[in-house]
Amino acid sequence: MNFKKYFTIFFLMMFCITLTGCGIIQDKIEENFSDKEECVLNTDNVTQFTFMSDSYTILEDTYYNESIGEWVGYIRKVAAVNEDGKILEQNDMDKSIFDFREGIDDNAIVISFLNVYTASDDSDYLIVDVNNDHHKAIPTEKITTQDTIFDFTSLKQDSLSNQFKINPDNATQLICDGVIYQVTSETVSDSELGNYLTVIAEQITFDSDTKKSLSTDELNSIDWFGENSQKRDSWFYKDIYEISGISVTDAVAVNINYKYYKAEVK
């Protein structure tokens, strides 16, 4: 094999490895997006989105996994909205660094939206991932007074500045109001989850040894000669809940790579 061919193959292998290491870890997300419909949130009403050019309204009704049918679309946005439901800003969920611009109202409500599915019973409604719950969504034109529209104000936090954030010096830790929470290997079952607290919605890739997050330049660099033995981990932080029977001042449950783990106060 000549050098040019070897170099090309090696580059493609390393490029694929780099992309794999930086990808979000979720089986459904690894599928091809090309045949999925991109759904768009209504910027004036966060309880509505379009699917196949039709408007759908998200309801309070929630469903378990067995009610979910085929994966047909995606939103994949994190939105900051005001109390009237108007979207102040929305960001792609799979950005390596997630943050809202300065000036966003401290009273803004943060909501994450993932995928859109059909119902397993072939009904004409859809099911959409909203802050880790599967909410029913029906055509907006079919809304009646008997339907209860999704109450996004129930997710309101005291302020964006008081929410949990990833420790910039240790990607396996969270910080809230100066308090450090260390993520442990102990998992938390759905039945142990208490009240919803907030959403982080950030994917971070970090050095496995130092726990330091890696910059874009570091992520894109390729070690052609194998001199760098650095090991990397990629975590997708999602939402945070209370743990039943445990005070938030002691520990919380954080969703990482689609499993809940206990994060304890140090």
C-alpha atoms as a PDB file:
ATOM      1  CA  MET A   1       0.000   0.000   0.000  1.00  0.00           C
ATOM      2  CA  ASN A   2       1.514   3.353  -0.998  1.00  0.00           C
ATOM      3  CA  PHE A   3       1.894   6.222   1.470  1.00  0.00           C
ATOM      4  CA  LYS A   4      -0.825   8.394  -0.074  1.00  0.00           C
ATOM      5  CA  LYS A   5      -3.449   5.648   0.214  1.00  0.00           C
ATOM      6  CA  TYR A   6      -2.341   4.784   3.771  1.00  0.00           C
ATOM      7  CA  PHE A   7      -2.506   8.459   4.779  1.00  0.00           C
ATOM      8  CA  THR A   8      -6.027   8.842   3.354  1.00  0.00           C
ATOM      9  CA  ILE A   9      -7.373   5.759   5.126  1.00  0.00           C
ATOM     10  CA  PHE A  10      -5.710   6.756   8.395  1.00  0.00           C
ATOM     11  CA  PHE A  11      -7.195  10.262   8.200  1.00  0.00           C
ATOM     12  CA  LEU A  12     -10.699   8.900   7.608  1.00  0.00           C
ATOM     13  CA  MET A  13     -10.356   6.479  10.525  1.00  0.00           C
ATOM     14  CA  MET A  14      -9.211   9.215  12.895  1.00  0.00           C
ATOM     15  CA  PHE A  15     -11.907  11.587  11.678  1.00  0.00           C
ATOM     16  CA  CYS A  16     -14.613   9.002  12.337  1.00  0.00           C
ATOM     17  CA  ILE A  17     -13.199   8.265  15.794  1.00  0.00           C
ATOM     18  CA  THR A  18     -13.203  11.976  16.594  1.00  0.00           C
ATOM     19  CA  LEU A  19     -16.827  12.327  15.548  1.00  0.00           C
ATOM     20  CA  THR A  20     -17.830   9.240  17.495  1.00  0.00           C
ATOM     21  CA  GLY A  21     -16.143  10.481  20.649  1.00  0.00           C
ATOM     22  CA  CYS A  22     -17.948  13.790  20.456  1.00  0.00           C
ATOM     23  CA  GLY A  23     -21.385  12.386  19.638  1.00  0.00           C
ATOM     24  CA  ILE A  24     -24.366  12.301  21.992  1.00  0.00           C
ATOM     25  CA  ILE A  25     -24.814   8.858  23.470  1.00  0.00           C
ATOM     26  CA  GLN A  26     -28.330   7.753  22.719  1.00  0.00           C
ATOM     27  CA  ASP A  27     -29.451   4.887  20.506  1.00  0.00           C
ATOM     28  CA  LYS A  28     -32.248   6.782  18.778  1.00  0.00           C
ATOM     29  CA  ILE A  29     -30.062   9.811  18.104  1.00  0.00           C
ATOM     30  CA  GLU A  30     -27.468   7.602  16.417  1.00  0.00           C
ATOM     31  CA  GLU A  31     -30.015   6.712  13.763  1.00  0.00           C
ATOM     32  CA  ASN A  32     -30.054   8.642  10.497  1.00  0.00           C
ATOM     33  CA  PHE A  33     -31.817  12.009  10.747  1.00  0.00           C
ATOM     34  CA  SER A  34     -32.320  12.219   6.997  1.00  0.00           C
ATOM     35  CA  ASP A  35     -35.785  10.638   7.081  1.00  0.00           C
ATOM     36  CA  LYS A  36     -36.958  12.535  10.184  1.00  0.00           C
ATOM     37  CA  GLU A  37     -39.003  15.728  10.070  1.00  0.00           C
ATOM     38  CA  GLU A  38     -37.429  18.811  11.632  1.00  0.00           C
ATOM     39  CA  CYS A  39     -40.113  20.382  13.809  1.00  0.00           C
ATOM     40  CA  VAL A  40     -40.109  24.105  14.603  1.00  0.00           C
ATOM     41  CA  LEU A  41     -41.248  25.701  17.843  1.00  0.00           C
ATOM     42  CA  ASN A  42     -43.700  28.594  17.666  1.00  0.00           C
ATOM     43  CA  THR A  43     -41.653  31.571  18.897  1.00  0.00           C
ATOM     44  CA  ASP A  44     -44.803  33.295  20.175  1.00  0.00           C
ATOM     45  CA  ASN A  45     -46.192  30.210  21.940  1.00  0.00           C
ATOM     46  CA  VAL A  46     -43.793  27.569  23.242  1.00  0.00           C
ATOM     47  CA  THR A  47     -46.635  25.048  23.652  1.00  0.00           C
ATOM     48  CA  GLN A  48     -46.927  24.807  19.865  1.00  0.00           C
ATOM     49  CA  PHE A  49     -44.699  23.411  17.101  1.00  0.00           C
ATOM     50  CA  THR A  50     -45.049  22.518  13.443  1.00  0.00           C
ATOM     51  CA  PHE A  51     -44.837  18.982  12.061  1.00  0.00           C
ATOM     52  CA  MET A  52     -45.203  18.428   8.310  1.00  0.00           C
ATOM     53  CA  SER A  53     -46.385  22.074   8.022  1.00  0.00           C
ATOM     54  CA  ASP A  54     -49.221  21.449  10.510  1.00  0.00           C
ATOM     55  CA  SER A  55     -49.418  23.127  13.916  1.00  0.00           C
ATOM     56  CA  TYR A  56     -49.560  20.913  17.005  1.00  0.00           C
ATOM     57  CA  THR A  57     -50.250  21.946  20.595  1.00  0.00           C
ATOM     58  CA  ILE A  58     -48.526  20.209  23.517  1.00  0.00           C
ATOM     59  CA  LEU A  59     -50.833  19.032  26.297  1.00  0.00           C
ATOM     60  CA  GLU A  60     -50.296  18.202  29.967  1.00  0.00           C
ATOM     61  CA  ASP A  61     -51.051  14.527  29.264  1.00  0.00           C
ATOM     62  CA  THR A  62     -47.950  12.349  29.607  1.00  0.00           C
ATOM     63  CA  TYR A  63     -47.244   8.774  28.537  1.00  0.00           C
ATOM     64  CA  TYR A  64     -44.918   5.902  29.367  1.00  0.00           C
ATOM     65  CA  ASN A  65     -42.438   4.399  26.908  1.00  0.00           C
ATOM     66  CA  GLU A  66     -44.823   1.639  25.824  1.00  0.00           C
ATOM     67  CA  SER A  67     -47.170   4.270  24.364  1.00  0.00           C
ATOM     68  CA  ILE A  68     -44.491   5.571  22.008  1.00  0.00           C
ATOM     69  CA  GLY A  69     -44.666   4.516  18.392  1.00  0.00           C
ATOM     70  CA  GLU A  70     -42.335   5.419  15.536  1.00  0.00           C
ATOM     71  CA  TRP A  71     -39.716   8.162  15.786  1.00  0.00           C
ATOM     72  CA  VAL A  72     -40.794  10.610  13.072  1.00  0.00           C
ATOM     73  CA  GLY A  73     -39.335  14.008  13.950  1.00  0.00           C
ATOM     74  CA  TYR A  74     -37.146  16.079  16.183  1.00  0.00           C
ATOM     75  CA  ILE A  75     -36.971  19.515  17.769  1.00  0.00           C
ATOM     76  CA  ARG A  76     -33.733  19.236  19.793  1.00  0.00           C
ATOM     77  CA  LYS A  77     -33.804  22.751  21.209  1.00  0.00           C
ATOM     78  CA  VAL A  78     -33.408  24.313  24.626  1.00  0.00           C
ATOM     79  CA  ALA A  79     -35.603  27.391  24.938  1.00  0.00           C
ATOM     80  CA  ALA A  80     -35.713  30.262  27.407  1.00  0.00           C
ATOM     81  CA  VAL A  81     -39.255  31.628  27.546  1.00  0.00           C
ATOM     82  CA  ASN A  82     -41.110  34.293  29.468  1.00  0.00           C
ATOM     83  CA  GLU A  83     -44.279  33.747  31.505  1.00  0.00           C
ATOM     84  CA  ASP A  84     -46.413  34.440  28.428  1.00  0.00           C
ATOM     85  CA  GLY A  85     -44.801  31.561  26.553  1.00  0.00           C
ATOM     86  CA  LYS A  86     -42.848  33.751  24.147  1.00  0.00           C
ATOM     87  CA  ILE A  87     -39.431  32.304  23.297  1.00  0.00           C
ATOM     88  CA  LEU A  88     -36.674  34.733  24.260  1.00  0.00           C
ATOM     89  CA  GLU A  89     -33.921  32.539  22.847  1.00  0.00           C
ATOM     90  CA  GLN A  90     -33.454  28.946  21.736  1.00  0.00           C
ATOM     91  CA  ASN A  91     -30.249  26.992  21.207  1.00  0.00           C
ATOM     92  CA  ASP A  92     -29.434  23.704  19.539  1.00  0.00           C
ATOM     93  CA  MET A  93     -29.287  20.966  22.135  1.00  0.00           C
ATOM     94  CA  ASP A  94     -26.206  19.255  20.714  1.00  0.00           C
ATOM     95  CA  LYS A  95     -23.850  22.222  20.945  1.00  0.00           C
ATOM     96  CA  SER A  96     -20.720  21.344  22.887  1.00  0.00           C
ATOM     97  CA  ILE A  97     -21.153  24.516  24.937  1.00  0.00           C
ATOM     98  CA  PHE A  98     -24.645  25.586  25.961  1.00  0.00           C
ATOM     99  CA  ASP A  99     -25.428  29.063  27.239  1.00  0.00           C
ATOM    100  CA  PHE A 100     -27.887  31.874  26.695  1.00  0.00           C
ATOM    101  CA  ARG A 101     -26.735  35.333  25.775  1.00  0.00           C
ATOM    102  CA  GLU A 102     -26.319  37.980  28.430  1.00  0.00           C
ATOM    103  CA  GLY A 103     -29.441  40.006  29.022  1.00  0.00           C
ATOM    104  CA  ILE A 104     -31.906  37.103  29.120  1.00  0.00           C
ATOM    105  CA  ASP A 105     -34.467  37.767  31.853  1.00  0.00           C
ATOM    106  CA  ASP A 106     -33.451  36.081  35.120  1.00  0.00           C
ATOM    107  CA  ASN A 107     -37.052  34.933  35.483  1.00  0.00           C
ATOM    108  CA  ALA A 108     -36.981  33.077  32.169  1.00  0.00           C
ATOM    109  CA  ILE A 109     -38.205  29.474  32.151  1.00  0.00           C
ATOM    110  CA  VAL A 110     -35.834  26.945  30.565  1.00  0.00           C
ATOM    111  CA  ILE A 111     -37.413  24.053  28.633  1.00  0.00           C
ATOM    112  CA  SER A 112     -35.739  21.274  26.643  1.00  0.00           C
ATOM    113  CA  PHE A 113     -37.337  19.594  23.614  1.00  0.00           C
ATOM    114  CA  LEU A 114     -36.018  16.394  22.030  1.00  0.00           C
ATOM    115  CA  ASN A 115     -37.767  14.021  19.652  1.00  0.00           C
ATOM    116  CA  VAL A 116     -41.263  13.609  18.215  1.00  0.00           C
ATOM    117  CA  TYR A 117     -43.014  10.240  17.887  1.00  0.00           C
ATOM    118  CA  THR A 118     -46.281   8.784  16.714  1.00  0.00           C
ATOM    119  CA  ALA A 119     -48.527   6.991  19.216  1.00  0.00           C
ATOM    120  CA  SER A 120     -48.254   3.200  19.417  1.00  0.00           C
ATOM    121  CA  ASP A 121     -52.033   2.834  18.966  1.00  0.00           C
ATOM    122  CA  ASP A 122     -51.915   4.652  15.600  1.00  0.00           C
ATOM    123  CA  SER A 123     -53.953   7.596  16.922  1.00  0.00           C
ATOM    124  CA  ASP A 124     -53.667  10.898  15.073  1.00  0.00           C
ATOM    125  CA  TYR A 125     -51.785  12.623  17.912  1.00  0.00           C
ATOM    126  CA  LEU A 126     -48.030  12.872  18.436  1.00  0.00           C
ATOM    127  CA  ILE A 127     -45.808  12.387  21.471  1.00  0.00           C
ATOM    128  CA  VAL A 128     -42.966  14.829  22.131  1.00  0.00           C
ATOM    129  CA  ASP A 129     -40.073  14.733  24.621  1.00  0.00           C
ATOM    130  CA  VAL A 130     -40.321  17.775  26.897  1.00  0.00           C
ATOM    131  CA  ASN A 131     -37.985  17.991  29.905  1.00  0.00           C
ATOM    132  CA  ASN A 132     -37.720  14.191  30.077  1.00  0.00           C
ATOM    133  CA  ASP A 133     -41.489  13.620  29.936  1.00  0.00           C
ATOM    134  CA  HIS A 134     -43.433  12.284  26.960  1.00  0.00           C
ATOM    135  CA  HIS A 135     -46.242  14.786  26.327  1.00  0.00           C
ATOM    136  CA  LYS A 136     -49.219  14.350  24.049  1.00  0.00           C
ATOM    137  CA  ALA A 137     -49.480  16.830  21.166  1.00  0.00           C
ATOM    138  CA  ILE A 138     -52.612  17.196  19.054  1.00  0.00           C
ATOM    139  CA  PRO A 139     -53.397  19.268  15.969  1.00  0.00           C
ATOM    140  CA  THR A 140     -53.968  22.837  17.144  1.00  0.00           C
ATOM    141  CA  GLU A 141     -57.183  23.073  15.156  1.00  0.00           C
ATOM    142  CA  LYS A 142     -58.628  20.194  17.204  1.00  0.00           C
ATOM    143  CA  ILE A 143     -58.036  21.789  20.627  1.00  0.00           C
ATOM    144  CA  THR A 144     -61.205  21.883  22.758  1.00  0.00           C
ATOM    145  CA  THR A 145     -62.055  23.282  26.179  1.00  0.00           C
ATOM    146  CA  GLN A 146     -61.630  19.774  27.569  1.00  0.00           C
ATOM    147  CA  ASP A 147     -57.944  19.713  26.671  1.00  0.00           C
ATOM    148  CA  THR A 148     -55.360  20.935  29.200  1.00  0.00           C
ATOM    149  CA  ILE A 149     -52.489  22.709  27.494  1.00  0.00           C
ATOM    150  CA  PHE A 150     -48.951  22.074  28.755  1.00  0.00           C
ATOM    151  CA  ASP A 151     -48.310  24.274  31.805  1.00  0.00           C
ATOM    152  CA  PHE A 152     -44.741  25.387  31.151  1.00  0.00           C
ATOM    153  CA  THR A 153     -44.901  27.878  34.043  1.00  0.00           C
ATOM    154  CA  SER A 154     -44.693  24.925  36.464  1.00  0.00           C
ATOM    155  CA  LEU A 155     -41.052  24.601  35.392  1.00  0.00           C
ATOM    156  CA  LYS A 156     -40.232  28.126  36.473  1.00  0.00           C
ATOM    157  CA  GLN A 157     -37.012  28.521  38.434  1.00  0.00           C
ATOM    158  CA  ASP A 158     -36.069  31.338  40.797  1.00  0.00           C
ATOM    159  CA  SER A 159     -33.526  32.572  38.261  1.00  0.00           C
ATOM    160  CA  LEU A 160     -31.192  31.328  35.546  1.00  0.00           C
ATOM    161  CA  SER A 161     -28.172  32.404  37.588  1.00  0.00           C
ATOM    162  CA  ASN A 162     -29.105  30.045  40.436  1.00  0.00           C
ATOM    163  CA  GLN A 163     -29.321  26.939  38.285  1.00  0.00           C
ATOM    164  CA  PHE A 164     -26.877  24.089  38.319  1.00  0.00           C
ATOM    165  CA  LYS A 165     -23.865  24.473  36.082  1.00  0.00           C
ATOM    166  CA  ILE A 166     -20.969  22.191  35.182  1.00  0.00           C
ATOM    167  CA  ASN A 167     -17.807  22.922  37.147  1.00  0.00           C
ATOM    168  CA  PRO A 168     -15.341  24.414  34.615  1.00  0.00           C
ATOM    169  CA  ASP A 169     -12.474  22.819  36.561  1.00  0.00           C
ATOM    170  CA  ASN A 170     -14.027  19.357  36.834  1.00  0.00           C
ATOM    171  CA  ALA A 171     -16.566  18.117  34.296  1.00  0.00           C
ATOM    172  CA  THR A 172     -17.798  15.427  36.707  1.00  0.00           C
ATOM    173  CA  GLN A 173     -19.061  18.037  39.161  1.00  0.00           C
ATOM    174  CA  LEU A 174     -21.967  20.482  39.286  1.00  0.00           C
ATOM    175  CA  ILE A 175     -22.052  23.850  41.019  1.00  0.00           C
ATOM    176  CA  CYS A 176     -25.136  25.578  42.404  1.00  0.00           C
ATOM    177  CA  ASP A 177     -24.846  28.773  44.450  1.00  0.00           C
ATOM    178  CA  GLY A 178     -21.214  27.961  45.198  1.00  0.00           C
ATOM    179  CA  VAL A 179     -22.004  24.425  46.412  1.00  0.00           C
ATOM    180  CA  ILE A 180     -20.202  21.573  44.614  1.00  0.00           C
ATOM    181  CA  TYR A 181     -22.058  18.367  43.761  1.00  0.00           C
ATOM    182  CA  GLN A 182     -19.894  15.377  42.796  1.00  0.00           C
ATOM    183  CA  VAL A 183     -21.471  12.951  40.325  1.00  0.00           C
ATOM    184  CA  THR A 184     -21.157   9.381  41.596  1.00  0.00           C
ATOM    185  CA  SER A 185     -21.512   6.000  39.900  1.00  0.00           C
ATOM    186  CA  GLU A 186     -24.671   5.303  41.921  1.00  0.00           C
ATOM    187  CA  THR A 187     -27.724   5.238  39.663  1.00  0.00           C
ATOM    188  CA  VAL A 188     -31.181   6.535  40.608  1.00  0.00           C
ATOM    189  CA  SER A 189     -34.307   4.756  39.360  1.00  0.00           C
ATOM    190  CA  ASP A 190     -37.303   6.618  37.959  1.00  0.00           C
ATOM    191  CA  SER A 191     -39.354   5.604  41.007  1.00  0.00           C
ATOM    192  CA  GLU A 192     -36.834   7.383  43.252  1.00  0.00           C
ATOM    193  CA  LEU A 193     -37.089  10.714  41.426  1.00  0.00           C
ATOM    194  CA  GLY A 194     -38.727  13.590  43.246  1.00  0.00           C
ATOM    195  CA  ASN A 195     -39.609  17.044  41.927  1.00  0.00           C
ATOM    196  CA  TYR A 196     -38.099  18.406  38.747  1.00  0.00           C
ATOM    197  CA  LEU A 197     -35.452  21.053  39.439  1.00  0.00           C
ATOM    198  CA  THR A 198     -33.882  22.300  36.218  1.00  0.00           C
ATOM    199  CA  VAL A 199     -32.240  21.345  32.937  1.00  0.00           C
ATOM    200  CA  ILE A 200     -28.603  21.749  31.920  1.00  0.00           C
ATOM    201  CA  ALA A 201     -28.731  20.348  28.363  1.00  0.00           C
ATOM    202  CA  GLU A 202     -25.024  20.447  27.671  1.00  0.00           C
ATOM    203  CA  GLN A 203     -22.703  17.925  26.104  1.00  0.00           C
ATOM    204  CA  ILE A 204     -19.137  18.067  27.348  1.00  0.00           C
ATOM    205  CA  THR A 205     -16.048  16.111  26.364  1.00  0.00           C
ATOM    206  CA  PHE A 206     -13.234  16.019  28.905  1.00  0.00           C
ATOM    207  CA  ASP A 207      -9.877  14.468  29.752  1.00  0.00           C
ATOM    208  CA  SER A 208     -10.575  11.225  31.651  1.00  0.00           C
ATOM    209  CA  ASP A 209      -7.636  11.802  34.013  1.00  0.00           C
ATOM    210  CA  THR A 210      -7.748  15.531  34.754  1.00  0.00           C
ATOM    211  CA  LYS A 211     -11.559  15.880  34.287  1.00  0.00           C
ATOM    212  CA  LYS A 212     -10.854  19.143  32.452  1.00  0.00           C
ATOM    213  CA  SER A 213     -13.170  19.977  29.567  1.00  0.00           C
ATOM    214  CA  LEU A 214     -11.522  20.083  26.150  1.00  0.00           C
ATOM    215  CA  SER A 215     -11.548  23.139  23.929  1.00  0.00           C
ATOM    216  CA  THR A 216     -12.758  23.064  20.332  1.00  0.00           C
ATOM    217  CA  ASP A 217      -9.145  23.120  19.114  1.00  0.00           C
ATOM    218  CA  GLU A 218      -8.280  20.160  21.337  1.00  0.00           C
ATOM    219  CA  LEU A 219     -11.314  18.230  20.150  1.00  0.00           C
ATOM    220  CA  ASN A 220     -10.479  18.844  16.505  1.00  0.00           C
ATOM    221  CA  SER A 221      -6.790  18.045  16.799  1.00  0.00           C
ATOM    222  CA  ILE A 222      -5.578  14.715  15.430  1.00  0.00           C
ATOM    223  CA  ASP A 223      -2.574  12.954  16.941  1.00  0.00           C
ATOM    224  CA  TRP A 224      -1.010  11.709  13.712  1.00  0.00           C
ATOM    225  CA  PHE A 225       1.972  10.015  15.351  1.00  0.00           C
ATOM    226  CA  GLY A 226       0.279   8.520  18.396  1.00  0.00           C
ATOM    227  CA  GLU A 227       2.249  10.615  20.864  1.00  0.00           C
ATOM    228  CA  ASN A 228      -0.808  11.630  22.874  1.00  0.00           C
ATOM    229  CA  SER A 229      -2.267   8.850  25.032  1.00  0.00           C
ATOM    230  CA  GLN A 230      -5.039  11.091  26.351  1.00  0.00           C
ATOM    231  CA  LYS A 231      -8.290   9.308  27.136  1.00  0.00           C
ATOM    232  CA  ARG A 232     -11.550  11.173  26.708  1.00  0.00           C
ATOM    233  CA  ASP A 233     -15.071  10.897  28.073  1.00  0.00           C
ATOM    234  CA  SER A 234     -18.169  12.487  26.602  1.00  0.00           C
ATOM    235  CA  TRP A 235     -21.133  13.239  28.879  1.00  0.00           C
ATOM    236  CA  PHE A 236     -24.474  14.674  27.876  1.00  0.00           C
ATOM    237  CA  TYR A 237     -25.953  16.399  30.912  1.00  0.00           C
ATOM    238  CA  LYS A 238     -29.712  16.699  30.690  1.00  0.00           C
ATOM    239  CA  ASP A 239     -32.153  17.391  33.546  1.00  0.00           C
ATOM    240  CA  ILE A 240     -31.892  17.374  37.345  1.00  0.00           C
ATOM    241  CA  TYR A 241     -34.420  16.086  39.869  1.00  0.00           C
ATOM    242  CA  GLU A 242     -34.753  15.828  43.604  1.00  0.00           C
ATOM    243  CA  ILE A 243     -34.231  12.362  45.072  1.00  0.00           C
ATOM    244  CA  SER A 244     -37.178  11.175  47.151  1.00  0.00           C
ATOM    245  CA  GLY A 245     -36.377  11.259  50.857  1.00  0.00           C
ATOM    246  CA  ILE A 246     -33.107  13.177  50.357  1.00  0.00           C
ATOM    247  CA  SER A 247     -32.678  16.922  50.773  1.00  0.00           C
ATOM    248  CA  VAL A 248     -31.423  18.906  47.779  1.00  0.00           C
ATOM    249  CA  THR A 249     -28.759  20.292  50.109  1.00  0.00           C
ATOM    250  CA  ASP A 250     -27.319  16.758  50.312  1.00  0.00           C
ATOM    251  CA  ALA A 251     -27.760  15.258  46.842  1.00  0.00           C
ATOM    252  CA  VAL A 252     -29.684  15.397  43.563  1.00  0.00           C
ATOM    253  CA  ALA A 253     -30.291  13.085  40.608  1.00  0.00           C
ATOM    254  CA  VAL A 254     -28.721  14.200  37.332  1.00  0.00           C
ATOM    255  CA  ASN A 255     -29.416  12.686  33.921  1.00  0.00           C
ATOM    256  CA  ILE A 256     -26.137  11.865  32.158  1.00  0.00           C
ATOM    257  CA  ASN A 257     -26.131   9.982  28.866  1.00  0.00           C
ATOM    258  CA  TYR A 258     -29.784   9.124  29.519  1.00  0.00           C
ATOM    259  CA  LYS A 259     -29.304   7.533  32.952  1.00  0.00           C
ATOM    260  CA  TYR A 260     -29.868   9.191  36.328  1.00  0.00           C
ATOM    261  CA  TYR A 261     -26.901   9.339  38.683  1.00  0.00           C
ATOM    262  CA  LYS A 262     -26.633  10.566  42.253  1.00  0.00           C
ATOM    263  CA  ALA A 263     -24.629  13.786  42.670  1.00  0.00           C
ATOM    264  CA  GLU A 264     -23.601  14.355  46.263  1.00  0.00           C
ATOM    265  CA  VAL A 265     -22.580  17.566  48.003  1.00  0.00           C
ATOM    266  CA  LYS A 266     -18.861  17.464  48.735  1.00  0.00           C
END
